[in-house]
Amino acid sequence: MDATSRSEPDLAARLGAMRYLLILLIQRLDADQQVKTADLMAGVQADWAALAPDIAEGQLLDQVFRETLDILQIAAGGKRDMPA
């Protein structure tokens, strides 16, 4: 199957691919000690806590922060939602 015969991937496939690549990059950066996953998680948690409780689109932002922490947890080797 060549690139011209493939149909356009759906949004879920694209998001899954981006999530996979992001996790892979974070793991490599952490392994090379260029960035520590724990530091990224602490920064995300601090940013989330600093949001005003009545901020517009707060529900969406909560989902974004939860997903971000989930991705970082997977990259840190904790929660696994992909085959090893």
C-alpha atoms as a PDB file:
ATOM      1  CA  MET A   1       0.000   0.000   0.000  1.00  0.00           C
ATOM      2  CA  ASP A   2       1.495   3.312  -1.015  1.00  0.00           C
ATOM      3  CA  ALA A   3       0.753   6.780   0.372  1.00  0.00           C
ATOM      4  CA  THR A   4      -1.496   7.702  -2.538  1.00  0.00           C
ATOM      5  CA  SER A   5      -3.825   4.727  -2.062  1.00  0.00           C
ATOM      6  CA  ARG A   6      -4.374   5.256   1.682  1.00  0.00           C
ATOM      7  CA  SER A   7      -7.453   7.045   2.826  1.00  0.00           C
ATOM      8  CA  GLU A   8      -7.150  10.090   5.050  1.00  0.00           C
ATOM      9  CA  PRO A   9      -6.667   8.939   8.688  1.00  0.00           C
ATOM     10  CA  ASP A  10      -9.466   9.853  11.050  1.00  0.00           C
ATOM     11  CA  LEU A  11      -9.044  12.305  13.900  1.00  0.00           C
ATOM     12  CA  ALA A  12      -8.694   9.577  16.531  1.00  0.00           C
ATOM     13  CA  ALA A  13      -5.832   7.967  14.588  1.00  0.00           C
ATOM     14  CA  ARG A  14      -4.068  11.304  14.182  1.00  0.00           C
ATOM     15  CA  LEU A  15      -4.452  12.150  17.862  1.00  0.00           C
ATOM     16  CA  GLY A  16      -3.252   8.684  18.830  1.00  0.00           C
ATOM     17  CA  ALA A  17      -0.185   9.041  16.625  1.00  0.00           C
ATOM     18  CA  MET A  18       0.628  12.473  18.071  1.00  0.00           C
ATOM     19  CA  ARG A  19       0.200  11.171  21.611  1.00  0.00           C
ATOM     20  CA  TYR A  20       2.476   8.221  20.876  1.00  0.00           C
ATOM     21  CA  LEU A  21       5.177  10.438  19.386  1.00  0.00           C
ATOM     22  CA  LEU A  22       4.958  12.896  22.275  1.00  0.00           C
ATOM     23  CA  ILE A  23       5.371  10.099  24.823  1.00  0.00           C
ATOM     24  CA  LEU A  24       8.307   8.693  22.866  1.00  0.00           C
ATOM     25  CA  LEU A  25      10.027  12.100  22.721  1.00  0.00           C
ATOM     26  CA  ILE A  26       9.520  12.762  26.424  1.00  0.00           C
ATOM     27  CA  GLN A  27      10.938   9.332  27.275  1.00  0.00           C
ATOM     28  CA  ARG A  28      14.018   9.963  25.130  1.00  0.00           C
ATOM     29  CA  LEU A  29      14.596  13.416  26.626  1.00  0.00           C
ATOM     30  CA  ASP A  30      14.215  11.993  30.124  1.00  0.00           C
ATOM     31  CA  ALA A  31      16.587   9.099  29.376  1.00  0.00           C
ATOM     32  CA  ASP A  32      19.183  11.551  28.033  1.00  0.00           C
ATOM     33  CA  GLN A  33      18.643  13.680  31.161  1.00  0.00           C
ATOM     34  CA  GLN A  34      17.777  16.702  29.025  1.00  0.00           C
ATOM     35  CA  VAL A  35      14.465  17.047  30.836  1.00  0.00           C
ATOM     36  CA  LYS A  36      13.022  15.217  33.818  1.00  0.00           C
ATOM     37  CA  THR A  37       9.471  13.963  33.492  1.00  0.00           C
ATOM     38  CA  ALA A  38       8.880  14.656  37.199  1.00  0.00           C
ATOM     39  CA  ASP A  39       9.792  18.320  36.629  1.00  0.00           C
ATOM     40  CA  LEU A  40       7.358  18.542  33.727  1.00  0.00           C
ATOM     41  CA  MET A  41       4.615  17.005  35.851  1.00  0.00           C
ATOM     42  CA  ALA A  42       5.292  19.439  38.701  1.00  0.00           C
ATOM     43  CA  GLY A  43       5.104  22.354  36.264  1.00  0.00           C
ATOM     44  CA  VAL A  44       1.813  21.163  34.806  1.00  0.00           C
ATOM     45  CA  GLN A  45       0.329  20.693  38.275  1.00  0.00           C
ATOM     46  CA  ALA A  46       1.463  24.180  39.328  1.00  0.00           C
ATOM     47  CA  ASP A  47      -0.011  25.761  36.194  1.00  0.00           C
ATOM     48  CA  TRP A  48      -3.288  23.906  36.711  1.00  0.00           C
ATOM     49  CA  ALA A  49      -3.482  24.965  40.353  1.00  0.00           C
ATOM     50  CA  ALA A  50      -2.812  28.576  39.378  1.00  0.00           C
ATOM     51  CA  LEU A  51      -5.882  28.798  37.122  1.00  0.00           C
ATOM     52  CA  ALA A  52      -8.675  30.977  38.410  1.00  0.00           C
ATOM     53  CA  PRO A  53     -11.609  28.777  39.478  1.00  0.00           C
ATOM     54  CA  ASP A  54     -14.037  30.781  37.348  1.00  0.00           C
ATOM     55  CA  ILE A  55     -11.915  30.837  34.180  1.00  0.00           C
ATOM     56  CA  ALA A  56     -13.788  30.552  30.893  1.00  0.00           C
ATOM     57  CA  GLU A  57     -13.686  27.051  29.428  1.00  0.00           C
ATOM     58  CA  GLY A  58     -12.557  25.685  32.797  1.00  0.00           C
ATOM     59  CA  GLN A  59     -14.049  22.262  32.120  1.00  0.00           C
ATOM     60  CA  LEU A  60     -12.102  21.942  28.864  1.00  0.00           C
ATOM     61  CA  LEU A  61      -8.905  23.112  30.552  1.00  0.00           C
ATOM     62  CA  ASP A  62      -9.364  20.532  33.301  1.00  0.00           C
ATOM     63  CA  GLN A  63      -9.588  17.828  30.627  1.00  0.00           C
ATOM     64  CA  VAL A  64      -6.465  19.187  28.910  1.00  0.00           C
ATOM     65  CA  PHE A  65      -4.474  19.189  32.153  1.00  0.00           C
ATOM     66  CA  ARG A  66      -5.674  15.673  33.064  1.00  0.00           C
ATOM     67  CA  GLU A  67      -4.670  14.365  29.644  1.00  0.00           C
ATOM     68  CA  THR A  68      -1.306  16.127  29.863  1.00  0.00           C
ATOM     69  CA  LEU A  69      -0.592  14.527  33.238  1.00  0.00           C
ATOM     70  CA  ASP A  70      -1.725  11.154  31.882  1.00  0.00           C
ATOM     71  CA  ILE A  71       0.730  11.432  28.975  1.00  0.00           C
ATOM     72  CA  LEU A  72       3.550  12.393  31.347  1.00  0.00           C
ATOM     73  CA  GLN A  73       2.676   9.506  33.686  1.00  0.00           C
ATOM     74  CA  ILE A  74       2.904   7.062  30.782  1.00  0.00           C
ATOM     75  CA  ALA A  75       6.208   8.602  29.668  1.00  0.00           C
ATOM     76  CA  ALA A  76       7.542   8.260  33.213  1.00  0.00           C
ATOM     77  CA  GLY A  77       6.887   4.532  33.055  1.00  0.00           C
ATOM     78  CA  GLY A  78       3.885   4.544  35.351  1.00  0.00           C
ATOM     79  CA  LYS A  79       0.491   4.019  33.792  1.00  0.00           C
ATOM     80  CA  ARG A  80       0.589   2.030  30.563  1.00  0.00           C
ATOM     81  CA  ASP A  81      -2.105   2.192  27.920  1.00  0.00           C
ATOM     82  CA  MET A  82       0.066   0.890  25.115  1.00  0.00           C
ATOM     83  CA  PRO A  83       1.925  -2.383  24.602  1.00  0.00           C
ATOM     84  CA  ALA A  84       5.442  -2.355  26.033  1.00  0.00           C
END
